[in-house]
């Protein structure tokens, strides 16, 4: 790759992008201005980054052997503000640019894919970093010495935690990557690796908007954190995947409709037994789902969302495809009458009657905005099933 001194360019519509690493005075050291005026902040930055600032963006791009345009795309994709031509980058920044560019040059990643890697990693770790720093400071109820501020306490805590958290982060990432690779290997064909058949569900706290008007911010934050934590634990424990949290709503997915059904009912039961939690409603659909950057898209996801909005309180609604999948796999009978007939026939033959985990009851057909008329099914446990 060649070095581009200008780094400017126009897109397909003829619009000209702003110069990479903007040189406007008001943004010309967006990342480091605060640190420059605060010795403690600068020390903390050097501790975390493990190196001092040595390069301007132009120098970093030149040293990495990439164009300014590509360096800027990577930088922005990772979620960082433009920094003009301030000397704010370290040897690690050069190495990261060199590695990404090397993957492109070797043909292992397209340039667009390399930018996606930068973006997905930046978005995920940004939230993680904010949560960790907030949690560390929140946990410090009292500074160890009189007169010390929480900011001053941050340095020794980070110094102690940094190597351990770094190792743990790599461990969890490898575990997650192994699990994801396992799901890919199990895919029936190449097309299914991208467009897969999944059970998708939304769980939504009822009356959350009213709660925001009645509760103090700290109390509301604790409720949301408790909801997200409980949901994440239940989804993971039962073999599902938490796709994302949206404050009063969580989105989860599972390869198997039975697994998703168990998760949904467990969520309802757990929240109903917690007096501090509002009522919950869940909507689920089964079908083809497009996955991108850890998220899910498509008609199946939209349908699950719509079913959630019309679900009764403390109840689970599923679409027809989800219901049929439970019936096909023997997790639920077509009807209680059929279940009774099957049990009588088995008894007559001296065999064990079929066991069903779930019950399905068709609800009234209704129009759903953007998706036409759908027939929801109410999902419940069968009598006596308390797994």
Foldseek 3Di string as FASTA:
>chain_A
DAEDPFLWDADPVRDIDATQLHQDPVQQAVPCPVVVVPVLSQVLVCLQVVFFQDFFLSRLCVLLRHYSNLLSLLCVLLPDGRNRRDSGDGPVSSVVSNVLVVCCVVVVDPSVVSSQVSNLVSVVVVVVVVVVVVVVLVVCPDPPDPPDDSSNVVRVVCNVCVVVVVVVVVVVVVVVVVVLVVVQVPQPDPVCNFWNKKKKKKKFFPPVVVVVVVDDPVLLVVQQVVLVVVLCVLQVVLAKAFQDDDRRMTMIIHRALVSVLVSQLVSLVVQVPDPSGGWMEMFIEIGIWGDDSSHIDDPRNVRRVQCRVPGDTSWYKYFPRSVVRCCVVLQEPPAVVVQVVQCVVCVVVVHHGRDHFKYWDWDDWDQTPPPGITIIITIDGDPPRDD
